[in-house]
Amino acid sequence: WTSTPPVQIDQTGAPAPVFPQQTTLFKVNAVLGDCSIEKTLNVIVLNATLTVSPDMKVCVGQPFTLNATGTATGTYAWNPGNDEPSITDQFDTPNSVDYILLYTYGPVGNTCQLTDTVNVSTFPDFSVEIIAGPDSILNAGDAIELDANILPSQILNGFTFSWLENGIKPVGDTQKITYTPETHIVTGK
């Protein structure tokens, strides 16, 4: 056995598998008595990598997108899904689905395939209500206690909170906050 470019080939006993890193021409010469036959085989080595979105947890009812990028020109087939590098989906009920991607690349008739699986599952279903104490109507300058009450009641590990005044100004980052709205005194001239 010989190869161009050279590949380490065990010539004794049963040869171990070879792993060419580039397209390689292998030649074998078989001899029996005065007869000699030489054959060649061109082994085409295709080399690509595939990057796919990691497993993810999503909220029920919120769309999510899975992306795949291959380093060679190729085709993408998501199951379930479509034949594009990216797919967008959404779960309307709690769910867990394995999205299997088949990436095919290389010249027609000489293709290779890479596969990857992305698991998408939903967070446990929950809702939030705001409890204001003592009431949601107060005098300017009075403090109000606000509580982001999670339903159904559960351990709050993993939850983060972000309270915003008028949807813009951050005023707290815990489940419960005490807030005193700023007062603005306007005087006439």
N, C-alpha and C. Protein backbone atom coordinates (compact mmCIF):
# COMPACT_ATOMS: atom_id res chain seq x y z
N TRP A 1 0.84 -1.19 0.00
CA TRP A 1 0.00 0.00 0.00
C TRP A 1 0.88 1.24 0.00
N THR A 2 0.48 2.21 -0.80
CA THR A 2 1.11 3.53 -0.77
C THR A 2 0.00 4.57 -0.90
N SER A 3 0.33 5.78 -0.55
CA SER A 3 -0.66 6.85 -0.69
C SER A 3 0.03 8.16 -0.98
N THR A 4 -0.71 9.03 -1.67
CA THR A 4 -0.23 10.37 -1.96
C THR A 4 -1.31 11.35 -1.57
N PRO A 5 -1.11 12.21 -0.57
CA PRO A 5 0.07 12.36 0.27
C PRO A 5 0.22 11.15 1.19
N PRO A 6 1.41 10.96 1.76
CA PRO A 6 1.66 9.77 2.59
C PRO A 6 0.73 9.70 3.81
N VAL A 7 0.21 8.51 4.06
CA VAL A 7 -0.61 8.22 5.23
C VAL A 7 0.03 7.00 5.90
N GLN A 8 0.14 7.02 7.23
CA GLN A 8 0.72 5.90 7.97
C GLN A 8 -0.18 4.67 7.78
N ILE A 9 0.33 3.63 7.13
CA ILE A 9 -0.43 2.40 6.89
C ILE A 9 0.35 1.23 7.46
N ASP A 10 -0.29 0.43 8.29
CA ASP A 10 0.34 -0.76 8.87
C ASP A 10 0.41 -1.83 7.79
N GLN A 11 1.61 -2.24 7.43
CA GLN A 11 1.80 -3.21 6.35
C GLN A 11 1.89 -4.64 6.88
N THR A 12 1.79 -4.81 8.20
CA THR A 12 1.91 -6.16 8.76
C THR A 12 0.56 -6.63 9.26
N GLY A 13 0.19 -7.84 8.96
CA GLY A 13 -1.08 -8.40 9.44
C GLY A 13 -2.26 -7.62 8.91
N ALA A 14 -3.33 -7.63 9.69
CA ALA A 14 -4.54 -6.90 9.30
C ALA A 14 -4.30 -5.41 9.57
N PRO A 15 -4.39 -4.57 8.53
CA PRO A 15 -4.11 -3.15 8.74
C PRO A 15 -5.18 -2.48 9.59
N ALA A 16 -4.72 -1.54 10.39
CA ALA A 16 -5.65 -0.73 11.18
C ALA A 16 -6.31 0.28 10.25
N PRO A 17 -7.48 0.78 10.62
CA PRO A 17 -8.12 1.80 9.77
C PRO A 17 -7.21 3.02 9.65
N VAL A 18 -7.30 3.69 8.51
CA VAL A 18 -6.57 4.93 8.31
C VAL A 18 -7.57 6.08 8.28
N PHE A 19 -7.12 7.24 8.67
CA PHE A 19 -7.98 8.42 8.75
C PHE A 19 -7.32 9.57 8.00
N PRO A 20 -7.42 9.59 6.67
CA PRO A 20 -6.79 10.69 5.93
C PRO A 20 -7.45 12.02 6.29
N GLN A 21 -6.62 13.06 6.40
CA GLN A 21 -7.11 14.40 6.76
C GLN A 21 -7.37 15.25 5.52
N GLN A 22 -7.01 14.75 4.36
CA GLN A 22 -7.23 15.47 3.11
C GLN A 22 -7.48 14.45 2.02
N THR A 23 -7.95 14.90 0.86
CA THR A 23 -8.18 13.99 -0.26
C THR A 23 -6.86 13.27 -0.57
N THR A 24 -6.96 11.94 -0.67
CA THR A 24 -5.75 11.11 -0.78
C THR A 24 -5.94 10.03 -1.83
N LEU A 25 -4.90 9.80 -2.66
CA LEU A 25 -4.90 8.74 -3.66
C LEU A 25 -4.19 7.53 -3.06
N PHE A 26 -4.94 6.42 -2.89
CA PHE A 26 -4.36 5.19 -2.36
C PHE A 26 -4.07 4.25 -3.53
N LYS A 27 -2.92 3.55 -3.45
CA LYS A 27 -2.53 2.61 -4.49
C LYS A 27 -2.16 1.31 -3.81
N VAL A 28 -2.64 0.20 -4.37
CA VAL A 28 -2.26 -1.10 -3.86
C VAL A 28 -1.73 -1.93 -5.03
N ASN A 29 -0.70 -2.71 -4.75
CA ASN A 29 -0.12 -3.59 -5.74
C ASN A 29 -0.19 -5.00 -5.17
N ALA A 30 -0.98 -5.86 -5.81
CA ALA A 30 -1.11 -7.25 -5.37
C ALA A 30 -0.31 -8.15 -6.31
N VAL A 31 0.52 -9.01 -5.74
CA VAL A 31 1.39 -9.87 -6.54
C VAL A 31 1.15 -11.32 -6.14
N LEU A 32 1.00 -12.17 -7.14
CA LEU A 32 0.89 -13.62 -6.92
C LEU A 32 1.76 -14.27 -7.99
N GLY A 33 2.86 -14.83 -7.58
CA GLY A 33 3.80 -15.42 -8.54
C GLY A 33 4.32 -14.34 -9.48
N ASP A 34 4.17 -14.58 -10.78
CA ASP A 34 4.63 -13.60 -11.77
C ASP A 34 3.55 -12.61 -12.14
N CYS A 35 2.36 -12.70 -11.53
CA CYS A 35 1.25 -11.79 -11.86
C CYS A 35 1.24 -10.62 -10.87
N SER A 36 1.03 -9.44 -11.41
CA SER A 36 0.99 -8.23 -10.58
C SER A 36 -0.18 -7.37 -11.05
N ILE A 37 -1.01 -6.94 -10.11
CA ILE A 37 -2.13 -6.05 -10.43
C ILE A 37 -2.03 -4.84 -9.51
N GLU A 38 -2.13 -3.68 -10.13
CA GLU A 38 -2.09 -2.43 -9.37
C GLU A 38 -3.42 -1.71 -9.53
N LYS A 39 -3.96 -1.25 -8.42
CA LYS A 39 -5.23 -0.51 -8.44
C LYS A 39 -5.04 0.76 -7.62
N THR A 40 -5.83 1.80 -7.97
CA THR A 40 -5.79 3.06 -7.22
C THR A 40 -7.22 3.45 -6.84
N LEU A 41 -7.31 4.18 -5.77
CA LEU A 41 -8.60 4.70 -5.32
C LEU A 41 -8.36 6.10 -4.75
N ASN A 42 -9.07 7.06 -5.29
CA ASN A 42 -8.98 8.42 -4.78
C ASN A 42 -10.04 8.59 -3.70
N VAL A 43 -9.61 8.80 -2.47
CA VAL A 43 -10.53 8.99 -1.35
C VAL A 43 -10.70 10.49 -1.16
N ILE A 44 -11.92 10.96 -1.39
CA ILE A 44 -12.22 12.38 -1.28
C ILE A 44 -12.58 12.67 0.18
N VAL A 45 -11.82 13.58 0.78
CA VAL A 45 -12.05 13.94 2.17
C VAL A 45 -12.74 15.31 2.19
N LEU A 46 -13.95 15.31 2.69
CA LEU A 46 -14.70 16.56 2.86
C LEU A 46 -14.58 16.94 4.33
N ASN A 47 -14.47 18.22 4.58
CA ASN A 47 -14.25 18.65 5.95
C ASN A 47 -15.11 19.88 6.21
N ALA A 48 -16.06 19.75 7.10
CA ALA A 48 -16.90 20.88 7.49
C ALA A 48 -17.22 20.74 8.97
N THR A 49 -17.58 21.85 9.57
CA THR A 49 -18.05 21.83 10.95
C THR A 49 -19.44 22.43 10.97
N LEU A 50 -20.16 22.14 12.02
CA LEU A 50 -21.54 22.58 12.17
C LEU A 50 -21.72 23.18 13.55
N THR A 51 -22.28 24.37 13.60
CA THR A 51 -22.59 25.03 14.86
C THR A 51 -24.11 25.17 14.95
N VAL A 52 -24.68 24.68 16.05
CA VAL A 52 -26.14 24.66 16.20
C VAL A 52 -26.50 25.28 17.55
N SER A 53 -27.68 25.90 17.62
CA SER A 53 -28.16 26.47 18.88
C SER A 53 -28.09 25.43 19.99
N PRO A 54 -27.80 25.86 21.21
CA PRO A 54 -27.77 24.91 22.34
C PRO A 54 -29.19 24.54 22.76
N ASP A 55 -29.31 23.50 23.60
CA ASP A 55 -30.61 23.16 24.19
C ASP A 55 -31.14 24.40 24.89
N MET A 56 -32.46 24.54 24.93
CA MET A 56 -33.02 25.72 25.57
C MET A 56 -34.35 25.44 26.24
N LYS A 57 -34.67 26.31 27.21
CA LYS A 57 -35.97 26.32 27.86
C LYS A 57 -36.65 27.60 27.43
N VAL A 58 -37.94 27.50 27.09
CA VAL A 58 -38.70 28.65 26.60
C VAL A 58 -40.00 28.77 27.36
N CYS A 59 -40.62 29.92 27.22
CA CYS A 59 -41.93 30.16 27.84
C CYS A 59 -43.03 29.67 26.91
N VAL A 60 -44.09 29.13 27.49
CA VAL A 60 -45.25 28.73 26.71
C VAL A 60 -45.80 29.97 26.00
N GLY A 61 -46.06 29.84 24.70
CA GLY A 61 -46.65 30.94 23.93
C GLY A 61 -45.66 31.93 23.36
N GLN A 62 -44.37 31.81 23.67
CA GLN A 62 -43.39 32.74 23.13
C GLN A 62 -42.56 32.06 22.05
N PRO A 63 -42.44 32.70 20.87
CA PRO A 63 -41.66 32.10 19.78
C PRO A 63 -40.18 31.96 20.15
N PHE A 64 -39.53 30.96 19.56
CA PHE A 64 -38.10 30.76 19.72
C PHE A 64 -37.52 30.42 18.35
N THR A 65 -36.22 30.67 18.18
CA THR A 65 -35.55 30.40 16.91
C THR A 65 -34.33 29.52 17.15
N LEU A 66 -34.18 28.52 16.30
CA LEU A 66 -33.00 27.65 16.31
C LEU A 66 -32.18 27.97 15.06
N ASN A 67 -30.86 28.10 15.22
CA ASN A 67 -29.98 28.44 14.11
C ASN A 67 -28.91 27.37 13.93
N ALA A 68 -28.54 27.16 12.66
CA ALA A 68 -27.45 26.25 12.33
C ALA A 68 -26.56 26.93 11.30
N THR A 69 -25.24 26.75 11.47
CA THR A 69 -24.29 27.30 10.52
C THR A 69 -23.25 26.24 10.21
N GLY A 70 -23.16 25.88 8.95
CA GLY A 70 -22.14 24.95 8.50
C GLY A 70 -21.02 25.72 7.81
N THR A 71 -19.81 25.18 7.86
CA THR A 71 -18.67 25.87 7.27
C THR A 71 -18.50 25.59 5.78
N ALA A 72 -19.32 24.70 5.23
CA ALA A 72 -19.27 24.41 3.80
C ALA A 72 -20.66 24.63 3.22
N THR A 73 -20.73 24.86 1.92
CA THR A 73 -22.02 24.99 1.26
C THR A 73 -22.76 23.67 1.42
N GLY A 74 -24.00 23.75 1.84
CA GLY A 74 -24.75 22.53 2.06
C GLY A 74 -26.23 22.80 2.24
N THR A 75 -26.95 21.75 2.60
CA THR A 75 -28.39 21.86 2.84
C THR A 75 -28.67 21.50 4.28
N TYR A 76 -29.78 22.02 4.78
CA TYR A 76 -30.20 21.82 6.16
C TYR A 76 -31.59 21.21 6.16
N ALA A 77 -31.82 20.23 7.01
CA ALA A 77 -33.15 19.62 7.14
C ALA A 77 -33.43 19.42 8.62
N TRP A 78 -34.36 20.22 9.16
CA TRP A 78 -34.79 20.11 10.55
C TRP A 78 -35.97 19.16 10.63
N ASN A 79 -36.00 18.31 11.66
CA ASN A 79 -37.16 17.45 11.89
C ASN A 79 -37.50 17.51 13.38
N PRO A 80 -38.64 18.09 13.77
CA PRO A 80 -39.61 18.75 12.89
C PRO A 80 -39.06 20.11 12.45
N GLY A 81 -39.59 20.62 11.37
CA GLY A 81 -39.17 21.93 10.91
C GLY A 81 -39.16 22.04 9.41
N ASN A 82 -38.16 22.76 8.90
CA ASN A 82 -38.10 23.04 7.48
C ASN A 82 -36.68 22.77 6.97
N ASP A 83 -36.44 23.18 5.74
CA ASP A 83 -35.15 22.95 5.10
C ASP A 83 -34.35 24.25 4.99
N GLU A 84 -34.33 25.02 6.06
CA GLU A 84 -33.58 26.28 6.13
C GLU A 84 -32.58 26.20 7.28
N PRO A 85 -31.55 27.05 7.27
CA PRO A 85 -30.60 27.04 8.39
C PRO A 85 -31.23 27.44 9.73
N SER A 86 -32.31 28.23 9.68
CA SER A 86 -32.97 28.67 10.91
C SER A 86 -34.44 28.30 10.87
N ILE A 87 -34.97 27.94 12.03
CA ILE A 87 -36.40 27.70 12.14
C ILE A 87 -36.93 28.46 13.35
N THR A 88 -38.17 28.88 13.25
CA THR A 88 -38.85 29.54 14.36
C THR A 88 -40.09 28.72 14.67
N ASP A 89 -40.31 28.50 15.96
CA ASP A 89 -41.46 27.69 16.40
C ASP A 89 -41.95 28.27 17.70
N GLN A 90 -43.02 27.69 18.23
CA GLN A 90 -43.55 28.12 19.52
C GLN A 90 -44.41 26.99 20.06
N PHE A 91 -44.41 26.85 21.38
CA PHE A 91 -45.25 25.85 22.05
C PHE A 91 -46.43 26.58 22.68
N ASP A 92 -47.62 26.11 22.40
CA ASP A 92 -48.82 26.71 23.00
C ASP A 92 -49.24 25.97 24.26
N THR A 93 -48.59 24.85 24.54
CA THR A 93 -48.82 24.09 25.77
C THR A 93 -47.45 23.63 26.29
N PRO A 94 -47.33 23.26 27.56
CA PRO A 94 -46.05 22.75 28.05
C PRO A 94 -45.59 21.58 27.18
N ASN A 95 -44.29 21.56 26.85
CA ASN A 95 -43.82 20.57 25.89
C ASN A 95 -42.31 20.39 26.02
N SER A 96 -41.81 19.32 25.42
CA SER A 96 -40.38 19.09 25.27
C SER A 96 -40.20 18.36 23.95
N VAL A 97 -39.41 18.95 23.04
CA VAL A 97 -39.25 18.38 21.69
C VAL A 97 -37.76 18.35 21.34
N ASP A 98 -37.32 17.25 20.74
CA ASP A 98 -35.98 17.15 20.18
C ASP A 98 -36.06 17.55 18.71
N TYR A 99 -35.37 18.62 18.33
CA TYR A 99 -35.27 19.06 16.94
C TYR A 99 -33.97 18.47 16.39
N ILE A 100 -34.09 17.62 15.38
CA ILE A 100 -32.93 16.93 14.80
C ILE A 100 -32.57 17.61 13.49
N LEU A 101 -31.30 17.99 13.38
CA LEU A 101 -30.82 18.66 12.17
C LEU A 101 -29.91 17.72 11.40
N LEU A 102 -30.17 17.60 10.09
CA LEU A 102 -29.31 16.86 9.18
C LEU A 102 -28.70 17.87 8.22
N TYR A 103 -27.39 18.02 8.29
CA TYR A 103 -26.64 18.96 7.44
C TYR A 103 -25.88 18.13 6.42
N THR A 104 -26.15 18.36 5.13
CA THR A 104 -25.52 17.62 4.04
C THR A 104 -24.65 18.59 3.25
N TYR A 105 -23.40 18.22 3.01
CA TYR A 105 -22.50 19.10 2.27
C TYR A 105 -21.61 18.28 1.35
N GLY A 106 -21.03 18.95 0.38
CA GLY A 106 -20.12 18.30 -0.57
C GLY A 106 -20.72 18.31 -1.96
N PRO A 107 -19.92 17.94 -2.96
CA PRO A 107 -20.40 17.94 -4.34
C PRO A 107 -21.43 16.83 -4.57
N VAL A 108 -22.33 17.07 -5.51
CA VAL A 108 -23.38 16.09 -5.84
C VAL A 108 -22.73 14.73 -6.11
N GLY A 109 -23.27 13.71 -5.49
CA GLY A 109 -22.74 12.36 -5.67
C GLY A 109 -21.65 11.99 -4.67
N ASN A 110 -21.08 13.00 -4.01
CA ASN A 110 -20.02 12.76 -3.03
C ASN A 110 -20.27 13.62 -1.80
N THR A 111 -21.38 13.37 -1.12
CA THR A 111 -21.74 14.21 0.01
C THR A 111 -21.44 13.52 1.34
N CYS A 112 -21.30 14.35 2.36
CA CYS A 112 -21.17 13.88 3.73
C CYS A 112 -22.29 14.53 4.54
N GLN A 113 -22.55 13.96 5.71
CA GLN A 113 -23.62 14.49 6.55
C GLN A 113 -23.14 14.61 7.99
N LEU A 114 -23.62 15.66 8.64
CA LEU A 114 -23.43 15.85 10.08
C LEU A 114 -24.82 16.02 10.69
N THR A 115 -25.01 15.51 11.89
CA THR A 115 -26.30 15.67 12.56
C THR A 115 -26.07 16.26 13.95
N ASP A 116 -27.11 16.91 14.42
CA ASP A 116 -27.10 17.44 15.78
C ASP A 116 -28.54 17.47 16.26
N THR A 117 -28.72 17.43 17.56
CA THR A 117 -30.05 17.47 18.16
C THR A 117 -30.11 18.60 19.17
N VAL A 118 -31.20 19.38 19.11
CA VAL A 118 -31.43 20.45 20.07
C VAL A 118 -32.72 20.13 20.80
N ASN A 119 -32.65 20.06 22.13
CA ASN A 119 -33.87 19.83 22.92
C ASN A 119 -34.40 21.19 23.36
N VAL A 120 -35.69 21.41 23.07
CA VAL A 120 -36.37 22.62 23.50
C VAL A 120 -37.51 22.18 24.41
N SER A 121 -37.52 22.72 25.62
CA SER A 121 -38.58 22.39 26.57
C SER A 121 -39.09 23.69 27.19
N THR A 122 -40.26 23.61 27.79
CA THR A 122 -40.86 24.79 28.38
C THR A 122 -40.57 24.85 29.88
N PHE A 123 -40.52 26.08 30.36
CA PHE A 123 -40.46 26.29 31.80
C PHE A 123 -41.82 25.86 32.36
N PRO A 124 -41.88 25.51 33.63
CA PRO A 124 -43.18 25.20 34.21
C PRO A 124 -44.11 26.41 34.03
N ASP A 125 -45.36 26.14 33.72
CA ASP A 125 -46.33 27.21 33.49
C ASP A 125 -46.53 28.02 34.77
N PHE A 126 -46.48 29.33 34.65
CA PHE A 126 -46.71 30.19 35.80
C PHE A 126 -47.29 31.52 35.32
N SER A 127 -47.82 32.26 36.24
CA SER A 127 -48.26 33.62 35.95
C SER A 127 -47.83 34.48 37.13
N VAL A 128 -47.94 35.78 36.97
CA VAL A 128 -47.55 36.70 38.03
C VAL A 128 -48.65 37.74 38.20
N GLU A 129 -48.89 38.09 39.45
CA GLU A 129 -49.82 39.17 39.75
C GLU A 129 -49.11 40.14 40.68
N ILE A 130 -49.46 41.41 40.58
CA ILE A 130 -48.87 42.42 41.45
C ILE A 130 -49.84 42.70 42.58
N ILE A 131 -49.33 42.55 43.80
CA ILE A 131 -50.13 42.87 44.99
C ILE A 131 -49.56 44.16 45.56
N ALA A 132 -50.43 45.17 45.70
CA ALA A 132 -50.02 46.47 46.24
C ALA A 132 -50.57 46.62 47.65
N GLY A 133 -49.72 47.10 48.55
CA GLY A 133 -50.18 47.29 49.92
C GLY A 133 -49.75 48.65 50.47
N PRO A 134 -50.56 49.33 51.11
CA PRO A 134 -51.88 48.88 51.52
C PRO A 134 -52.92 48.98 50.39
N ASP A 135 -52.66 49.79 49.35
CA ASP A 135 -53.61 49.96 48.26
C ASP A 135 -52.83 50.52 47.08
N SER A 136 -53.42 50.52 45.90
CA SER A 136 -52.71 51.07 44.74
C SER A 136 -53.02 52.55 44.53
N ILE A 137 -53.79 53.14 45.43
CA ILE A 137 -54.05 54.58 45.39
C ILE A 137 -53.45 55.17 46.66
N LEU A 138 -52.58 56.18 46.50
CA LEU A 138 -51.93 56.74 47.67
C LEU A 138 -51.66 58.23 47.46
N ASN A 139 -51.35 58.90 48.55
CA ASN A 139 -51.00 60.32 48.51
C ASN A 139 -49.57 60.46 48.00
N ALA A 140 -49.31 61.57 47.31
CA ALA A 140 -47.96 61.85 46.82
C ALA A 140 -46.99 61.81 47.99
N GLY A 141 -45.87 61.11 47.80
CA GLY A 141 -44.85 61.01 48.84
C GLY A 141 -45.02 59.83 49.77
N ASP A 142 -46.18 59.13 49.73
CA ASP A 142 -46.39 57.96 50.57
C ASP A 142 -45.72 56.74 49.93
N ALA A 143 -45.25 55.83 50.75
CA ALA A 143 -44.61 54.61 50.27
C ALA A 143 -45.67 53.56 49.93
N ILE A 144 -45.34 52.73 48.99
CA ILE A 144 -46.21 51.62 48.62
C ILE A 144 -45.36 50.35 48.57
N GLU A 145 -45.92 49.26 49.07
CA GLU A 145 -45.24 47.98 49.01
C GLU A 145 -45.81 47.20 47.82
N LEU A 146 -44.92 46.72 46.95
CA LEU A 146 -45.33 45.96 45.76
C LEU A 146 -44.73 44.56 45.85
N ASP A 147 -45.56 43.57 45.53
CA ASP A 147 -45.15 42.16 45.61
C ASP A 147 -45.49 41.50 44.28
N ALA A 148 -44.48 40.90 43.62
CA ALA A 148 -44.70 40.12 42.40
C ALA A 148 -45.04 38.70 42.85
N ASN A 149 -46.30 38.40 42.96
CA ASN A 149 -46.77 37.11 43.47
C ASN A 149 -46.82 36.10 42.31
N ILE A 150 -46.03 35.02 42.42
CA ILE A 150 -45.96 33.99 41.39
C ILE A 150 -47.02 32.94 41.66
N LEU A 151 -47.78 32.59 40.59
CA LEU A 151 -48.82 31.57 40.69
C LEU A 151 -48.55 30.47 39.68
N PRO A 152 -48.70 29.21 39.96
CA PRO A 152 -48.96 28.71 41.30
C PRO A 152 -47.75 28.97 42.18
N SER A 153 -48.01 29.04 43.47
CA SER A 153 -46.96 29.31 44.44
C SER A 153 -45.87 28.26 44.31
N GLN A 154 -44.62 28.69 44.27
CA GLN A 154 -43.51 27.76 44.07
C GLN A 154 -42.22 28.36 44.62
N ILE A 155 -41.21 27.53 44.69
CA ILE A 155 -39.89 27.99 45.09
C ILE A 155 -39.40 28.94 44.00
N LEU A 156 -38.84 30.06 44.40
CA LEU A 156 -38.48 31.10 43.44
C LEU A 156 -37.04 30.98 42.91
N ASN A 157 -36.41 29.80 43.07
CA ASN A 157 -35.07 29.60 42.52
C ASN A 157 -35.12 29.81 41.01
N GLY A 158 -34.22 30.58 40.48
CA GLY A 158 -34.16 30.82 39.04
C GLY A 158 -34.92 32.04 38.59
N PHE A 159 -35.85 32.55 39.40
CA PHE A 159 -36.60 33.73 39.02
C PHE A 159 -35.76 34.98 39.24
N THR A 160 -35.87 35.95 38.37
CA THR A 160 -35.31 37.28 38.59
C THR A 160 -36.45 38.26 38.39
N PHE A 161 -36.32 39.41 39.01
CA PHE A 161 -37.37 40.42 38.96
C PHE A 161 -36.76 41.75 38.54
N SER A 162 -37.54 42.51 37.81
CA SER A 162 -37.11 43.83 37.39
C SER A 162 -38.32 44.75 37.41
N TRP A 163 -38.34 45.66 38.36
CA TRP A 163 -39.43 46.61 38.50
C TRP A 163 -39.05 47.90 37.77
N LEU A 164 -39.96 48.43 36.97
CA LEU A 164 -39.72 49.67 36.23
C LEU A 164 -40.85 50.66 36.52
N GLU A 165 -40.49 51.91 36.76
CA GLU A 165 -41.47 52.97 36.92
C GLU A 165 -41.81 53.49 35.52
N ASN A 166 -43.10 53.49 35.20
CA ASN A 166 -43.59 53.92 33.88
C ASN A 166 -42.92 53.16 32.74
N GLY A 167 -42.50 51.92 33.01
CA GLY A 167 -41.91 51.08 31.98
C GLY A 167 -40.50 51.48 31.58
N ILE A 168 -39.88 52.45 32.30
CA ILE A 168 -38.57 52.96 31.89
C ILE A 168 -37.56 52.94 33.03
N LYS A 169 -37.87 53.61 34.12
CA LYS A 169 -36.91 53.83 35.21
C LYS A 169 -36.87 52.62 36.15
N PRO A 170 -35.69 51.97 36.28
CA PRO A 170 -35.58 50.83 37.21
C PRO A 170 -35.77 51.31 38.66
N VAL A 171 -36.59 50.53 39.42
CA VAL A 171 -36.84 50.90 40.82
C VAL A 171 -36.66 49.73 41.78
N GLY A 172 -36.31 48.54 41.26
CA GLY A 172 -36.09 47.41 42.15
C GLY A 172 -35.82 46.13 41.38
N ASP A 173 -35.19 45.15 42.09
CA ASP A 173 -34.87 43.88 41.44
C ASP A 173 -35.11 42.67 42.34
N THR A 174 -36.02 42.83 43.32
CA THR A 174 -36.39 41.72 44.19
C THR A 174 -37.88 41.44 44.03
N GLN A 175 -38.34 40.32 44.58
CA GLN A 175 -39.75 39.98 44.44
C GLN A 175 -40.63 41.06 45.07
N LYS A 176 -40.24 41.57 46.23
CA LYS A 176 -41.01 42.61 46.92
C LYS A 176 -40.18 43.88 47.00
N ILE A 177 -40.82 45.00 46.75
CA ILE A 177 -40.12 46.28 46.90
C ILE A 177 -41.03 47.25 47.64
N THR A 178 -40.41 48.20 48.32
CA THR A 178 -41.14 49.33 48.88
C THR A 178 -40.68 50.55 48.10
N TYR A 179 -41.63 51.26 47.55
CA TYR A 179 -41.29 52.36 46.66
C TYR A 179 -42.06 53.62 47.07
N THR A 180 -41.36 54.73 47.03
CA THR A 180 -41.98 56.03 47.30
C THR A 180 -41.85 56.87 46.04
N PRO A 181 -42.96 57.12 45.36
CA PRO A 181 -42.88 57.92 44.14
C PRO A 181 -42.37 59.33 44.47
N GLU A 182 -41.55 59.85 43.55
CA GLU A 182 -41.07 61.21 43.73
C GLU A 182 -42.24 62.18 43.57
N THR A 183 -42.20 63.27 44.35
CA THR A 183 -43.26 64.28 44.23
C THR A 183 -42.68 65.49 43.53
N HIS A 184 -43.46 66.05 42.66
CA HIS A 184 -43.06 67.25 41.93
C HIS A 184 -44.05 68.35 42.29
N ILE A 185 -43.52 69.42 42.88
CA ILE A 185 -44.38 70.55 43.25
C ILE A 185 -44.26 71.60 42.15
N VAL A 186 -45.37 71.94 41.58
CA VAL A 186 -45.40 72.95 40.54
C VAL A 186 -46.03 74.20 41.13
N THR A 187 -45.35 75.31 41.07
CA THR A 187 -45.90 76.58 41.58
C THR A 187 -46.22 77.51 40.44
N GLY A 188 -47.26 78.26 40.56
CA GLY A 188 -47.66 79.21 39.52
C GLY A 188 -46.94 80.51 39.67
N LYS A 189 -46.84 81.29 38.60
CA LYS A 189 -46.21 82.61 38.66
C LYS A 189 -47.24 83.69 38.59
